[in-house]
Amino acid sequence: MRQGKVLAILVVMAKVTSKLQVTIPRRLARECGIEPGDEVEWSATDSGLRITTPQPDLKHDVGARLKWFREAMARQDARQSKRKKRPASKDRGWTREDLYYYRGSR
């Protein structure tokens, strides 16, 4: 169903075939954006059946993920280009080895 659009309650009858197939009425299909070949999800509820269109699975949508990654990298590059670069300090009071070894254990 299209987001942001509230559909009026519409009751339409459809018959179940001998193969247990159901045809979605054309008017409902148009209003919900369902086209031939689209998949729908069926679920049982306390009051009957519910038919929904599946939401896109973004964790498998590689194109969208790459686009978001590139946008995030561009934002990060912009932030870092605005930062003032500090000169490297030669006398920090500690050495790299101090991070990995306890004093006196060498």
Protein backbone atom coordinates (compact mmCIF):
# COMPACT_ATOMS: atom_id res chain seq x y z
CA MET A 1 0.00 0.00 0.00
CA ARG A 2 1.29 3.45 -0.76
CA GLN A 3 2.55 5.22 2.33
CA GLY A 4 0.71 8.28 3.53
CA LYS A 5 -2.53 7.30 1.83
CA VAL A 6 -5.49 6.11 3.88
CA LEU A 7 -7.86 3.92 1.96
CA ALA A 8 -11.56 3.90 2.67
CA ILE A 9 -12.89 0.53 3.72
CA LEU A 10 -13.94 -1.24 0.57
CA VAL A 11 -15.63 -4.61 0.66
CA VAL A 12 -15.15 -6.62 -2.51
CA MET A 13 -15.94 -10.28 -2.94
CA ALA A 14 -13.61 -12.73 -4.66
CA LYS A 15 -14.06 -16.45 -5.26
CA VAL A 16 -11.55 -19.12 -4.38
CA THR A 17 -10.83 -21.49 -7.29
CA SER A 18 -10.48 -25.26 -7.03
CA LYS A 19 -6.69 -24.71 -6.87
CA LEU A 20 -7.22 -22.37 -3.88
CA GLN A 21 -6.26 -19.33 -5.97
CA VAL A 22 -7.78 -15.89 -5.38
CA THR A 23 -7.83 -12.98 -7.80
CA ILE A 24 -7.22 -9.55 -6.29
CA PRO A 25 -9.92 -7.19 -7.56
CA ARG A 26 -8.50 -4.70 -10.06
CA ARG A 27 -9.63 -1.64 -8.11
CA LEU A 28 -7.91 -2.80 -4.92
CA ALA A 29 -4.78 -3.78 -6.80
CA ARG A 30 -4.54 -0.33 -8.39
CA GLU A 31 -5.13 1.49 -5.10
CA CYS A 32 -2.48 -0.62 -3.35
CA GLY A 33 0.04 -0.44 -6.21
CA ILE A 34 -0.02 -4.19 -6.85
CA GLU A 35 0.90 -5.20 -10.37
CA PRO A 36 1.04 -8.58 -12.14
CA GLY A 37 4.08 -10.52 -10.95
CA ASP A 38 4.26 -8.76 -7.57
CA GLU A 39 4.39 -10.92 -4.47
CA VAL A 40 1.93 -10.62 -1.58
CA GLU A 41 2.21 -12.03 1.92
CA TRP A 42 -0.63 -13.99 3.48
CA SER A 43 -0.99 -14.26 7.25
CA ALA A 44 -3.66 -15.69 9.51
CA THR A 45 -5.20 -13.42 12.13
CA ASP A 46 -7.89 -13.92 14.75
CA SER A 47 -10.44 -12.32 12.45
CA GLY A 48 -9.41 -14.02 9.20
CA LEU A 49 -6.70 -13.57 6.58
CA ARG A 50 -4.46 -10.58 6.06
CA ILE A 51 -2.82 -9.84 2.71
CA THR A 52 0.12 -7.42 2.62
CA THR A 53 2.75 -6.43 0.12
CA PRO A 54 6.22 -7.29 1.42
CA GLN A 55 8.46 -4.42 2.40
CA PRO A 56 11.78 -4.31 0.58
CA ASP A 57 14.53 -6.08 2.50
CA LEU A 58 17.13 -3.35 2.77
CA LYS A 59 19.83 -5.54 4.21
CA HIS A 60 20.01 -7.29 0.83
CA ASP A 61 19.58 -4.15 -1.29
CA VAL A 62 23.24 -3.66 -2.17
CA GLY A 63 22.64 -0.59 -4.35
CA ALA A 64 20.92 1.34 -1.55
CA ARG A 65 23.55 0.32 0.99
CA LEU A 66 26.37 1.48 -1.30
CA LYS A 67 24.59 4.78 -1.89
CA TRP A 68 24.21 5.36 1.88
CA PHE A 69 27.84 4.38 2.46
CA ARG A 70 29.08 6.86 -0.17
CA GLU A 71 26.90 9.62 1.31
CA ALA A 72 28.24 8.89 4.80
CA MET A 73 31.82 8.93 3.54
CA ALA A 74 31.24 12.27 1.81
CA ARG A 75 29.86 13.72 5.09
CA GLN A 76 32.86 12.36 7.01
CA ASP A 77 35.31 13.78 4.47
CA ALA A 78 33.57 17.17 4.71
CA ARG A 79 33.81 17.12 8.53
CA GLN A 80 37.47 16.17 8.48
CA SER A 81 38.37 18.82 5.92
CA LYS A 82 36.97 21.49 8.29
CA ARG A 83 39.06 20.31 11.23
CA LYS A 84 42.31 22.01 12.05
CA LYS A 85 45.17 19.60 11.80
CA ARG A 86 47.28 19.39 14.93
CA PRO A 87 50.99 18.92 14.52
CA ALA A 88 52.24 15.58 15.76
CA SER A 89 53.71 15.83 19.22
CA LYS A 90 57.06 14.15 19.67
CA ASP A 91 56.97 14.35 23.45
CA ARG A 92 53.68 12.86 24.59
CA GLY A 93 55.00 11.47 27.80
CA TRP A 94 54.48 7.89 26.60
CA THR A 95 55.65 5.62 23.83
CA ARG A 96 53.85 3.08 21.71
CA GLU A 97 55.55 0.30 23.62
CA ASP A 98 54.03 1.63 26.85
CA LEU A 99 50.61 0.81 25.44
CA TYR A 100 51.46 -2.85 24.95
CA TYR A 101 53.86 -3.67 27.80
CA TYR A 102 53.73 -3.10 31.50
CA ARG A 103 56.63 -1.15 32.85
CA GLY A 104 59.33 -3.48 34.07
CA SER A 105 58.03 -6.50 32.11
CA ARG A 106 60.39 -5.92 29.17
